[in-house]
Amino acid sequence: MLATAPPFEAVSREVSALLKGKVVVGHDLQHDFAALGFGHPRRLVRDTARGLPSLLGTRAGRPRKLRHLAAEFLQWRIQEGCHSPEEDAAAAMRLYRRFRPQFEL
């Protein structure tokens, strides 16, 4: 734990307030929300891991990995070597934008 870091509860409340009423785009977001200790209305979540199972497919009932979706649908290789949350966020947003009409059905 960082000695100068704000308390987890304060950070969680602040992030929740920032996201209130906003659409959140990402990949397999349930884990992110669980780590933050709150949920978000389903109508405001665009999850590339779960939003388009018929189009993006699944692996034995589990969502496909973001790096595989990015390679197949965006022709973009990510997560090679070090893992970059910024790169993951960009890939999820690009997938969402590519398939936005299907997400918004």
PDB file of N, CA and C in Angstrom:
ATOM      1  N   MET A   1       0.848  -1.187   0.000  1.00  0.00           N
ATOM      2  CA  MET A   1       0.000   0.000   0.000  1.00  0.00           C
ATOM      3  C   MET A   1       0.885   1.239   0.000  1.00  0.00           C
ATOM      4  N   LEU A   2       0.506   2.205  -0.758  1.00  0.00           N
ATOM      5  CA  LEU A   2       1.265   3.437  -0.833  1.00  0.00           C
ATOM      6  C   LEU A   2       0.880   4.356   0.323  1.00  0.00           C
ATOM      7  N   ALA A   3       1.885   4.855   1.007  1.00  0.00           N
ATOM      8  CA  ALA A   3       1.634   5.682   2.189  1.00  0.00           C
ATOM      9  C   ALA A   3       0.887   6.966   1.843  1.00  0.00           C
ATOM     10  N   THR A   4       1.139   7.524   0.683  1.00  0.00           N
ATOM     11  CA  THR A   4       0.524   8.805   0.326  1.00  0.00           C
ATOM     12  C   THR A   4      -0.714   8.648  -0.565  1.00  0.00           C
ATOM     13  N   ALA A   5      -1.081   7.430  -0.858  1.00  0.00           N
ATOM     14  CA  ALA A   5      -2.245   7.189  -1.727  1.00  0.00           C
ATOM     15  C   ALA A   5      -3.533   7.510  -0.988  1.00  0.00           C
ATOM     16  N   PRO A   6      -4.532   8.017  -1.708  1.00  0.00           N
ATOM     17  CA  PRO A   6      -5.833   8.250  -1.062  1.00  0.00           C
ATOM     18  C   PRO A   6      -6.477   6.911  -0.713  1.00  0.00           C
ATOM     19  N   PRO A   7      -7.391   6.908   0.248  1.00  0.00           N
ATOM     20  CA  PRO A   7      -8.057   5.660   0.630  1.00  0.00           C
ATOM     21  C   PRO A   7      -8.833   5.064  -0.552  1.00  0.00           C
ATOM     22  N   PHE A   8      -8.833   3.740  -0.629  1.00  0.00           N
ATOM     23  CA  PHE A   8      -9.520   3.040  -1.715  1.00  0.00           C
ATOM     24  C   PHE A   8     -10.972   3.483  -1.830  1.00  0.00           C
ATOM     25  N   GLU A   9     -11.664   3.586  -0.714  1.00  0.00           N
ATOM     26  CA  GLU A   9     -13.082   3.941  -0.724  1.00  0.00           C
ATOM     27  C   GLU A   9     -13.295   5.304  -1.379  1.00  0.00           C
ATOM     28  N   ALA A  10     -12.405   6.253  -1.112  1.00  0.00           N
ATOM     29  CA  ALA A  10     -12.530   7.593  -1.703  1.00  0.00           C
ATOM     30  C   ALA A  10     -12.319   7.531  -3.215  1.00  0.00           C
ATOM     31  N   VAL A  11     -11.341   6.755  -3.640  1.00  0.00           N
ATOM     32  CA  VAL A  11     -11.070   6.618  -5.074  1.00  0.00           C
ATOM     33  C   VAL A  11     -12.246   5.937  -5.760  1.00  0.00           C
ATOM     34  N   SER A  12     -12.765   4.892  -5.159  1.00  0.00           N
ATOM     35  CA  SER A  12     -13.905   4.170  -5.723  1.00  0.00           C
ATOM     36  C   SER A  12     -15.103   5.100  -5.881  1.00  0.00           C
ATOM     37  N   ARG A  13     -15.395   5.900  -4.855  1.00  0.00           N
ATOM     38  CA  ARG A  13     -16.511   6.854  -4.930  1.00  0.00           C
ATOM     39  C   ARG A  13     -16.280   7.881  -6.032  1.00  0.00           C
ATOM     40  N   GLU A  14     -15.047   8.368  -6.151  1.00  0.00           N
ATOM     41  CA  GLU A  14     -14.734   9.381  -7.162  1.00  0.00           C
ATOM     42  C   GLU A  14     -14.887   8.815  -8.579  1.00  0.00           C
ATOM     43  N   VAL A  15     -14.378   7.603  -8.799  1.00  0.00           N
ATOM     44  CA  VAL A  15     -14.503   6.985 -10.127  1.00  0.00           C
ATOM     45  C   VAL A  15     -15.972   6.724 -10.435  1.00  0.00           C
ATOM     46  N   SER A  16     -16.716   6.236  -9.466  1.00  0.00           N
ATOM     47  CA  SER A  16     -18.144   5.980  -9.660  1.00  0.00           C
ATOM     48  C   SER A  16     -18.866   7.275 -10.038  1.00  0.00           C
ATOM     49  N   ALA A  17     -18.538   8.364  -9.367  1.00  0.00           N
ATOM     50  CA  ALA A  17     -19.162   9.654  -9.671  1.00  0.00           C
ATOM     51  C   ALA A  17     -18.787  10.132 -11.076  1.00  0.00           C
ATOM     52  N   LEU A  18     -17.545   9.919 -11.473  1.00  0.00           N
ATOM     53  CA  LEU A  18     -17.103  10.324 -12.816  1.00  0.00           C
ATOM     54  C   LEU A  18     -17.840   9.556 -13.909  1.00  0.00           C
ATOM     55  N   LEU A  19     -18.152   8.285 -13.649  1.00  0.00           N
ATOM     56  CA  LEU A  19     -18.797   7.438 -14.652  1.00  0.00           C
ATOM     57  C   LEU A  19     -20.321   7.544 -14.655  1.00  0.00           C
ATOM     58  N   LYS A  20     -20.882   8.147 -13.616  1.00  0.00           N
ATOM     59  CA  LYS A  20     -22.341   8.192 -13.480  1.00  0.00           C
ATOM     60  C   LYS A  20     -22.981   8.795 -14.729  1.00  0.00           C
ATOM     61  N   GLY A  21     -23.903   8.034 -15.318  1.00  0.00           N
ATOM     62  CA  GLY A  21     -24.644   8.491 -16.481  1.00  0.00           C
ATOM     63  C   GLY A  21     -23.887   8.418 -17.794  1.00  0.00           C
ATOM     64  N   LYS A  22     -22.674   7.877 -17.777  1.00  0.00           N
ATOM     65  CA  LYS A  22     -21.855   7.811 -18.988  1.00  0.00           C
ATOM     66  C   LYS A  22     -21.757   6.385 -19.510  1.00  0.00           C
ATOM     67  N   VAL A  23     -21.593   6.264 -20.821  1.00  0.00           N
ATOM     68  CA  VAL A  23     -21.352   4.968 -21.444  1.00  0.00           C
ATOM     69  C   VAL A  23     -19.896   4.592 -21.199  1.00  0.00           C
ATOM     70  N   VAL A  24     -19.675   3.359 -20.768  1.00  0.00           N
ATOM     71  CA  VAL A  24     -18.324   2.852 -20.522  1.00  0.00           C
ATOM     72  C   VAL A  24     -18.036   1.762 -21.552  1.00  0.00           C
ATOM     73  N   VAL A  25     -16.939   1.917 -22.283  1.00  0.00           N
ATOM     74  CA  VAL A  25     -16.516   0.952 -23.299  1.00  0.00           C
ATOM     75  C   VAL A  25     -15.245   0.277 -22.815  1.00  0.00           C
ATOM     76  N   GLY A  26     -15.194  -1.043 -22.939  1.00  0.00           N
ATOM     77  CA  GLY A  26     -13.997  -1.785 -22.555  1.00  0.00           C
ATOM     78  C   GLY A  26     -14.171  -3.257 -22.881  1.00  0.00           C
ATOM     79  N   HIS A  27     -13.221  -4.050 -22.413  1.00  0.00           N
ATOM     80  CA  HIS A  27     -13.241  -5.486 -22.668  1.00  0.00           C
ATOM     81  C   HIS A  27     -13.277  -6.231 -21.347  1.00  0.00           C
ATOM     82  N   ASP A  28     -14.287  -7.062 -21.177  1.00  0.00           N
ATOM     83  CA  ASP A  28     -14.481  -7.866 -19.969  1.00  0.00           C
ATOM     84  C   ASP A  28     -14.519  -6.973 -18.724  1.00  0.00           C
ATOM     85  N   LEU A  29     -15.371  -5.987 -18.781  1.00  0.00           N
ATOM     86  CA  LEU A  29     -15.439  -4.937 -17.762  1.00  0.00           C
ATOM     87  C   LEU A  29     -15.892  -5.418 -16.392  1.00  0.00           C
ATOM     88  N   GLN A  30     -16.534  -6.570 -16.317  1.00  0.00           N
ATOM     89  CA  GLN A  30     -17.001  -7.046 -15.007  1.00  0.00           C
ATOM     90  C   GLN A  30     -15.851  -7.120 -14.008  1.00  0.00           C
ATOM     91  N   HIS A  31     -14.671  -7.467 -14.467  1.00  0.00           N
ATOM     92  CA  HIS A  31     -13.514  -7.570 -13.573  1.00  0.00           C
ATOM     93  C   HIS A  31     -13.059  -6.191 -13.098  1.00  0.00           C
ATOM     94  N   ASP A  32     -13.122  -5.210 -13.986  1.00  0.00           N
ATOM     95  CA  ASP A  32     -12.737  -3.848 -13.610  1.00  0.00           C
ATOM     96  C   ASP A  32     -13.705  -3.277 -12.572  1.00  0.00           C
ATOM     97  N   PHE A  33     -15.004  -3.458 -12.820  1.00  0.00           N
ATOM     98  CA  PHE A  33     -15.990  -2.961 -11.866  1.00  0.00           C
ATOM     99  C   PHE A  33     -15.869  -3.685 -10.524  1.00  0.00           C
ATOM    100  N   ALA A  34     -15.613  -4.985 -10.562  1.00  0.00           N
ATOM    101  CA  ALA A  34     -15.447  -5.736  -9.309  1.00  0.00           C
ATOM    102  C   ALA A  34     -14.240  -5.217  -8.522  1.00  0.00           C
ATOM    103  N   ALA A  35     -13.153  -4.942  -9.221  1.00  0.00           N
ATOM    104  CA  ALA A  35     -11.949  -4.431  -8.548  1.00  0.00           C
ATOM    105  C   ALA A  35     -12.203  -3.055  -7.941  1.00  0.00           C
ATOM    106  N   LEU A  36     -13.040  -2.263  -8.595  1.00  0.00           N
ATOM    107  CA  LEU A  36     -13.368  -0.933  -8.079  1.00  0.00           C
ATOM    108  C   LEU A  36     -14.426  -0.971  -6.986  1.00  0.00           C
ATOM    109  N   GLY A  37     -15.119  -2.095  -6.877  1.00  0.00           N
ATOM    110  CA  GLY A  37     -16.101  -2.255  -5.811  1.00  0.00           C
ATOM    111  C   GLY A  37     -17.465  -1.652  -6.104  1.00  0.00           C
ATOM    112  N   PHE A  38     -17.792  -1.476  -7.379  1.00  0.00           N
ATOM    113  CA  PHE A  38     -19.130  -0.999  -7.728  1.00  0.00           C
ATOM    114  C   PHE A  38     -19.514  -1.539  -9.094  1.00  0.00           C
ATOM    115  N   GLY A  39     -20.789  -1.405  -9.418  1.00  0.00           N
ATOM    116  CA  GLY A  39     -21.287  -1.818 -10.726  1.00  0.00           C
ATOM    117  C   GLY A  39     -21.632  -0.597 -11.552  1.00  0.00           C
ATOM    118  N   HIS A  40     -22.127  -0.839 -12.730  1.00  0.00           N
ATOM    119  CA  HIS A  40     -22.543   0.236 -13.629  1.00  0.00           C
ATOM    120  C   HIS A  40     -23.776  -0.273 -14.358  1.00  0.00           C
ATOM    121  N   PRO A  41     -24.757   0.587 -14.630  1.00  0.00           N
ATOM    122  CA  PRO A  41     -25.970   0.110 -15.304  1.00  0.00           C
ATOM    123  C   PRO A  41     -25.650  -0.580 -16.627  1.00  0.00           C
ATOM    124  N   ARG A  42     -26.233  -1.740 -16.835  1.00  0.00           N
ATOM    125  CA  ARG A  42     -25.964  -2.511 -18.057  1.00  0.00           C
ATOM    126  C   ARG A  42     -26.253  -1.712 -19.315  1.00  0.00           C
ATOM    127  N   ARG A  43     -27.257  -0.869 -19.277  1.00  0.00           N
ATOM    128  CA  ARG A  43     -27.618  -0.080 -20.450  1.00  0.00           C
ATOM    129  C   ARG A  43     -26.527   0.913 -20.829  1.00  0.00           C
ATOM    130  N   LEU A  44     -25.580   1.157 -19.925  1.00  0.00           N
ATOM    131  CA  LEU A  44     -24.489   2.094 -20.182  1.00  0.00           C
ATOM    132  C   LEU A  44     -23.137   1.399 -20.357  1.00  0.00           C
ATOM    133  N   VAL A  45     -23.148   0.082 -20.486  1.00  0.00           N
ATOM    134  CA  VAL A  45     -21.895  -0.673 -20.652  1.00  0.00           C
ATOM    135  C   VAL A  45     -21.828  -1.230 -22.068  1.00  0.00           C
ATOM    136  N   ARG A  46     -20.707  -1.003 -22.727  1.00  0.00           N
ATOM    137  CA  ARG A  46     -20.436  -1.571 -24.049  1.00  0.00           C
ATOM    138  C   ARG A  46     -19.188  -2.434 -23.899  1.00  0.00           C
ATOM    139  N   ASP A  47     -19.409  -3.708 -23.646  1.00  0.00           N
ATOM    140  CA  ASP A  47     -18.324  -4.639 -23.336  1.00  0.00           C
ATOM    141  C   ASP A  47     -18.011  -5.487 -24.559  1.00  0.00           C
ATOM    142  N   THR A  48     -16.832  -5.311 -25.119  1.00  0.00           N
ATOM    143  CA  THR A  48     -16.459  -6.054 -26.327  1.00  0.00           C
ATOM    144  C   THR A  48     -16.284  -7.541 -26.053  1.00  0.00           C
ATOM    145  N   ALA A  49     -16.197  -7.938 -24.799  1.00  0.00           N
ATOM    146  CA  ALA A  49     -16.092  -9.359 -24.467  1.00  0.00           C
ATOM    147  C   ALA A  49     -17.454 -10.029 -24.453  1.00  0.00           C
ATOM    148  N   ARG A  50     -18.508  -9.264 -24.201  1.00  0.00           N
ATOM    149  CA  ARG A  50     -19.817  -9.869 -24.014  1.00  0.00           C
ATOM    150  C   ARG A  50     -20.923  -9.248 -24.860  1.00  0.00           C
ATOM    151  N   GLY A  51     -20.669  -8.123 -25.477  1.00  0.00           N
ATOM    152  CA  GLY A  51     -21.719  -7.400 -26.176  1.00  0.00           C
ATOM    153  C   GLY A  51     -22.161  -7.984 -27.495  1.00  0.00           C
ATOM    154  N   LEU A  52     -21.295  -8.722 -28.165  1.00  0.00           N
ATOM    155  CA  LEU A  52     -21.614  -9.252 -29.494  1.00  0.00           C
ATOM    156  C   LEU A  52     -21.229 -10.718 -29.626  1.00  0.00           C
ATOM    157  N   PRO A  53     -21.712 -11.578 -28.767  1.00  0.00           N
ATOM    158  CA  PRO A  53     -21.260 -12.971 -28.830  1.00  0.00           C
ATOM    159  C   PRO A  53     -21.525 -13.656 -30.160  1.00  0.00           C
ATOM    160  N   SER A  54     -22.637 -13.329 -30.816  1.00  0.00           N
ATOM    161  CA  SER A  54     -22.922 -13.995 -32.087  1.00  0.00           C
ATOM    162  C   SER A  54     -21.960 -13.546 -33.184  1.00  0.00           C
ATOM    163  N   LEU A  55     -21.467 -12.338 -33.096  1.00  0.00           N
ATOM    164  CA  LEU A  55     -20.556 -11.821 -34.106  1.00  0.00           C
ATOM    165  C   LEU A  55     -19.095 -12.109 -33.741  1.00  0.00           C
ATOM    166  N   LEU A  56     -18.736 -11.823 -32.509  1.00  0.00           N
ATOM    167  CA  LEU A  56     -17.344 -11.970 -32.094  1.00  0.00           C
ATOM    168  C   LEU A  56     -17.027 -13.369 -31.593  1.00  0.00           C
ATOM    169  N   GLY A  57     -18.043 -14.138 -31.261  1.00  0.00           N
ATOM    170  CA  GLY A  57     -17.836 -15.521 -30.842  1.00  0.00           C
ATOM    171  C   GLY A  57     -17.316 -15.655 -29.428  1.00  0.00           C
ATOM    172  N   THR A  58     -17.288 -16.899 -28.958  1.00  0.00           N
ATOM    173  CA  THR A  58     -16.779 -17.208 -27.621  1.00  0.00           C
ATOM    174  C   THR A  58     -15.918 -18.449 -27.704  1.00  0.00           C
ATOM    175  N   ARG A  59     -15.157 -18.663 -26.639  1.00  0.00           N
ATOM    176  CA  ARG A  59     -14.355 -19.872 -26.510  1.00  0.00           C
ATOM    177  C   ARG A  59     -14.985 -20.714 -25.405  1.00  0.00           C
ATOM    178  N   ALA A  60     -15.656 -21.756 -25.773  1.00  0.00           N
ATOM    179  CA  ALA A  60     -16.265 -22.672 -24.790  1.00  0.00           C
ATOM    180  C   ALA A  60     -17.063 -21.901 -23.740  1.00  0.00           C
ATOM    181  N   GLY A  61     -17.872 -20.952 -24.203  1.00  0.00           N
ATOM    182  CA  GLY A  61     -18.701 -20.185 -23.283  1.00  0.00           C
ATOM    183  C   GLY A  61     -18.010 -19.002 -22.634  1.00  0.00           C
ATOM    184  N   ARG A  62     -16.719 -18.861 -22.854  1.00  0.00           N
ATOM    185  CA  ARG A  62     -15.973 -17.726 -22.307  1.00  0.00           C
ATOM    186  C   ARG A  62     -15.681 -16.734 -23.422  1.00  0.00           C
ATOM    187  N   PRO A  63     -15.578 -15.454 -23.088  1.00  0.00           N
ATOM    188  CA  PRO A  63     -15.301 -14.470 -24.138  1.00  0.00           C
ATOM    189  C   PRO A  63     -13.930 -14.661 -24.760  1.00  0.00           C
ATOM    190  N   ARG A  64     -13.822 -14.272 -26.010  1.00  0.00           N
ATOM    191  CA  ARG A  64     -12.527 -14.351 -26.689  1.00  0.00           C
ATOM    192  C   ARG A  64     -11.593 -13.288 -26.139  1.00  0.00           C
ATOM    193  N   LYS A  65     -10.323 -13.555 -26.252  1.00  0.00           N
ATOM    194  CA  LYS A  65      -9.314 -12.614 -25.778  1.00  0.00           C
ATOM    195  C   LYS A  65      -9.278 -11.380 -26.679  1.00  0.00           C
ATOM    196  N   LEU A  66      -9.033 -10.243 -26.055  1.00  0.00           N
ATOM    197  CA  LEU A  66      -8.989  -8.981 -26.776  1.00  0.00           C
ATOM    198  C   LEU A  66      -7.923  -9.005 -27.863  1.00  0.00           C
ATOM    199  N   ARG A  67      -6.786  -9.601 -27.589  1.00  0.00           N
ATOM    200  CA  ARG A  67      -5.724  -9.614 -28.605  1.00  0.00           C
ATOM    201  C   ARG A  67      -6.139 -10.398 -29.844  1.00  0.00           C
ATOM    202  N   HIS A  68      -6.940 -11.445 -29.667  1.00  0.00           N
ATOM    203  CA  HIS A  68      -7.423 -12.218 -30.814  1.00  0.00           C
ATOM    204  C   HIS A  68      -8.468 -11.428 -31.609  1.00  0.00           C
ATOM    205  N   LEU A  69      -9.364 -10.739 -30.902  1.00  0.00           N
ATOM    206  CA  LEU A  69     -10.368  -9.918 -31.583  1.00  0.00           C
ATOM    207  C   LEU A  69      -9.701  -8.781 -32.344  1.00  0.00           C
ATOM    208  N   ALA A  70      -8.710  -8.147 -31.735  1.00  0.00           N
ATOM    209  CA  ALA A  70      -8.006  -7.038 -32.397  1.00  0.00           C
ATOM    210  C   ALA A  70      -7.292  -7.530 -33.652  1.00  0.00           C
ATOM    211  N   ALA A  71      -6.681  -8.695 -33.582  1.00  0.00           N
ATOM    212  CA  ALA A  71      -5.973  -9.235 -34.744  1.00  0.00           C
ATOM    213  C   ALA A  71      -6.955  -9.580 -35.867  1.00  0.00           C
ATOM    214  N   GLU A  72      -8.070 -10.222 -35.508  1.00  0.00           N
ATOM    215  CA  GLU A  72      -9.014 -10.675 -36.529  1.00  0.00           C
ATOM    216  C   GLU A  72      -9.819  -9.541 -37.161  1.00  0.00           C
ATOM    217  N   PHE A  73     -10.334  -8.639 -36.339  1.00  0.00           N
ATOM    218  CA  PHE A  73     -11.255  -7.627 -36.851  1.00  0.00           C
ATOM    219  C   PHE A  73     -10.618  -6.274 -37.134  1.00  0.00           C
ATOM    220  N   LEU A  74      -9.446  -6.025 -36.533  1.00  0.00           N
ATOM    221  CA  LEU A  74      -8.797  -4.727 -36.724  1.00  0.00           C
ATOM    222  C   LEU A  74      -7.448  -4.846 -37.435  1.00  0.00           C
ATOM    223  N   GLN A  75      -6.990  -6.092 -37.631  1.00  0.00           N
ATOM    224  CA  GLN A  75      -5.655  -6.339 -38.183  1.00  0.00           C
ATOM    225  C   GLN A  75      -4.609  -5.567 -37.375  1.00  0.00           C
ATOM    226  N   TRP A  76      -4.752  -5.669 -36.051  1.00  0.00           N
ATOM    227  CA  TRP A  76      -3.882  -4.938 -35.128  1.00  0.00           C
ATOM    228  C   TRP A  76      -3.359  -5.919 -34.091  1.00  0.00           C
ATOM    229  N   ARG A  77      -2.062  -6.020 -33.993  1.00  0.00           N
ATOM    230  CA  ARG A  77      -1.442  -6.927 -33.022  1.00  0.00           C
ATOM    231  C   ARG A  77      -1.168  -6.154 -31.735  1.00  0.00           C
ATOM    232  N   ILE A  78      -1.788  -6.625 -30.657  1.00  0.00           N
ATOM    233  CA  ILE A  78      -1.602  -5.994 -29.351  1.00  0.00           C
ATOM    234  C   ILE A  78      -1.117  -7.033 -28.358  1.00  0.00           C
ATOM    235  N   GLN A  79      -0.711  -6.573 -27.193  1.00  0.00           N
ATOM    236  CA  GLN A  79      -0.287  -7.421 -26.076  1.00  0.00           C
ATOM    237  C   GLN A  79       0.878  -8.328 -26.463  1.00  0.00           C
ATOM    238  N   GLU A  80       1.777  -7.821 -27.262  1.00  0.00           N
ATOM    239  CA  GLU A  80       2.988  -8.569 -27.595  1.00  0.00           C
ATOM    240  C   GLU A  80       4.106  -8.037 -26.706  1.00  0.00           C
ATOM    241  N   GLY A  81       4.664  -8.908 -25.912  1.00  0.00           N
ATOM    242  CA  GLY A  81       5.669  -8.459 -24.952  1.00  0.00           C
ATOM    243  C   GLY A  81       4.982  -7.930 -23.712  1.00  0.00           C
ATOM    244  N   CYS A  82       5.128  -6.633 -23.462  1.00  0.00           N
ATOM    245  CA  CYS A  82       4.519  -6.066 -22.253  1.00  0.00           C
ATOM    246  C   CYS A  82       3.045  -5.747 -22.509  1.00  0.00           C
ATOM    247  N   HIS A  83       2.285  -5.790 -21.440  1.00  0.00           N
ATOM    248  CA  HIS A  83       0.847  -5.548 -21.492  1.00  0.00           C
ATOM    249  C   HIS A  83       0.606  -4.062 -21.240  1.00  0.00           C
ATOM    250  N   SER A  84      -0.155  -3.424 -22.119  1.00  0.00           N
ATOM    251  CA  SER A  84      -0.429  -1.996 -22.000  1.00  0.00           C
ATOM    252  C   SER A  84      -1.930  -1.758 -21.828  1.00  0.00           C
ATOM    253  N   PRO A  85      -2.371  -1.296 -20.662  1.00  0.00           N
ATOM    254  CA  PRO A  85      -3.789  -0.981 -20.483  1.00  0.00           C
ATOM    255  C   PRO A  85      -4.269   0.081 -21.475  1.00  0.00           C
ATOM    256  N   GLU A  86      -3.399   1.016 -21.841  1.00  0.00           N
ATOM    257  CA  GLU A  86      -3.765   2.046 -22.815  1.00  0.00           C
ATOM    258  C   GLU A  86      -4.045   1.419 -24.183  1.00  0.00           C
ATOM    259  N   GLU A  87      -3.206   0.477 -24.573  1.00  0.00           N
ATOM    260  CA  GLU A  87      -3.401  -0.221 -25.846  1.00  0.00           C
ATOM    261  C   GLU A  87      -4.687  -1.050 -25.816  1.00  0.00           C
ATOM    262  N   ASP A  88      -4.950  -1.708 -24.690  1.00  0.00           N
ATOM    263  CA  ASP A  88      -6.183  -2.487 -24.536  1.00  0.00           C
ATOM    264  C   ASP A  88      -7.415  -1.590 -24.670  1.00  0.00           C
ATOM    265  N   ALA A  89      -7.379  -0.439 -24.014  1.00  0.00           N
ATOM    266  CA  ALA A  89      -8.505   0.489 -24.074  1.00  0.00           C
ATOM    267  C   ALA A  89      -8.724   0.975 -25.508  1.00  0.00           C
ATOM    268  N   ALA A  90      -7.641   1.280 -26.210  1.00  0.00           N
ATOM    269  CA  ALA A  90      -7.751   1.738 -27.597  1.00  0.00           C
ATOM    270  C   ALA A  90      -8.326   0.638 -28.486  1.00  0.00           C
ATOM    271  N   ALA A  91      -7.897  -0.601 -28.285  1.00  0.00           N
ATOM    272  CA  ALA A  91      -8.400  -1.720 -29.083  1.00  0.00           C
ATOM    273  C   ALA A  91      -9.886  -1.946 -28.812  1.00  0.00           C
ATOM    274  N   ALA A  92     -10.288  -1.899 -27.540  1.00  0.00           N
ATOM    275  CA  ALA A  92     -11.707  -2.081 -27.207  1.00  0.00           C
ATOM    276  C   ALA A  92     -12.541  -0.964 -27.838  1.00  0.00           C
ATOM    277  N   MET A  93     -12.055   0.267 -27.792  1.00  0.00           N
ATOM    278  CA  MET A  93     -12.798   1.373 -28.385  1.00  0.00           C
ATOM    279  C   MET A  93     -12.886   1.222 -29.904  1.00  0.00           C
ATOM    280  N   ARG A  94     -11.811   0.794 -30.535  1.00  0.00           N
ATOM    281  CA  ARG A  94     -11.846   0.600 -31.988  1.00  0.00           C
ATOM    282  C   ARG A  94     -12.819  -0.514 -32.371  1.00  0.00           C
ATOM    283  N   LEU A  95     -12.857  -1.594 -31.588  1.00  0.00           N
ATOM    284  CA  LEU A  95     -13.829  -2.667 -31.840  1.00  0.00           C
ATOM    285  C   LEU A  95     -15.250  -2.142 -31.680  1.00  0.00           C
ATOM    286  N   TYR A  96     -15.463  -1.406 -30.607  1.00  0.00           N
ATOM    287  CA  TYR A  96     -16.796  -0.844 -30.381  1.00  0.00           C
ATOM    288  C   TYR A  96     -17.199   0.062 -31.546  1.00  0.00           C
ATOM    289  N   ARG A  97     -16.322   0.937 -31.970  1.00  0.00           N
ATOM    290  CA  ARG A  97     -16.656   1.869 -33.047  1.00  0.00           C
ATOM    291  C   ARG A  97     -16.918   1.135 -34.362  1.00  0.00           C
ATOM    292  N   ARG A  98     -16.161   0.069 -34.586  1.00  0.00           N
ATOM    293  CA  ARG A  98     -16.375  -0.702 -35.811  1.00  0.00           C
ATOM    294  C   ARG A  98     -17.753  -1.362 -35.821  1.00  0.00           C
ATOM    295  N   PHE A  99     -18.171  -1.871 -34.662  1.00  0.00           N
ATOM    296  CA  PHE A  99     -19.436  -2.612 -34.554  1.00  0.00           C
ATOM    297  C   PHE A  99     -20.516  -1.842 -33.796  1.00  0.00           C
ATOM    298  N   ARG A 100     -20.395  -0.535 -33.740  1.00  0.00           N
ATOM    299  CA  ARG A 100     -21.320   0.278 -32.955  1.00  0.00           C
ATOM    300  C   ARG A 100     -22.792   0.016 -33.268  1.00  0.00           C
ATOM    301  N   PRO A 101     -23.202  -0.047 -34.524  1.00  0.00           N
ATOM    302  CA  PRO A 101     -24.633  -0.294 -34.783  1.00  0.00           C
ATOM    303  C   PRO A 101     -25.138  -1.591 -34.129  1.00  0.00           C
ATOM    304  N   GLN A 102     -24.319  -2.636 -34.135  1.00  0.00           N
ATOM    305  CA  GLN A 102     -24.739  -3.907 -33.519  1.00  0.00           C
ATOM    306  C   GLN A 102     -24.802  -3.777 -31.978  1.00  0.00           C
ATOM    307  N   PHE A 103     -23.904  -3.003 -31.394  1.00  0.00           N
ATOM    308  CA  PHE A 103     -23.949  -2.804 -29.943  1.00  0.00           C
ATOM    309  C   PHE A 103     -25.198  -2.045 -29.524  1.00  0.00           C
ATOM    310  N   GLU A 104     -25.659  -1.164 -30.370  1.00  0.00           N
ATOM    311  CA  GLU A 104     -26.758  -0.267 -30.006  1.00  0.00           C
ATOM    312  C   GLU A 104     -28.140  -0.810 -30.347  1.00  0.00           C
ATOM    313  N   LEU A 105     -28.223  -2.065 -30.794  1.00  0.00           N
ATOM    314  CA  LEU A 105     -29.529  -2.658 -31.085  1.00  0.00           C
ATOM    315  C   LEU A 105     -30.373  -2.807 -29.831  1.00  0.00           C
TER     316      LEU A 105
END
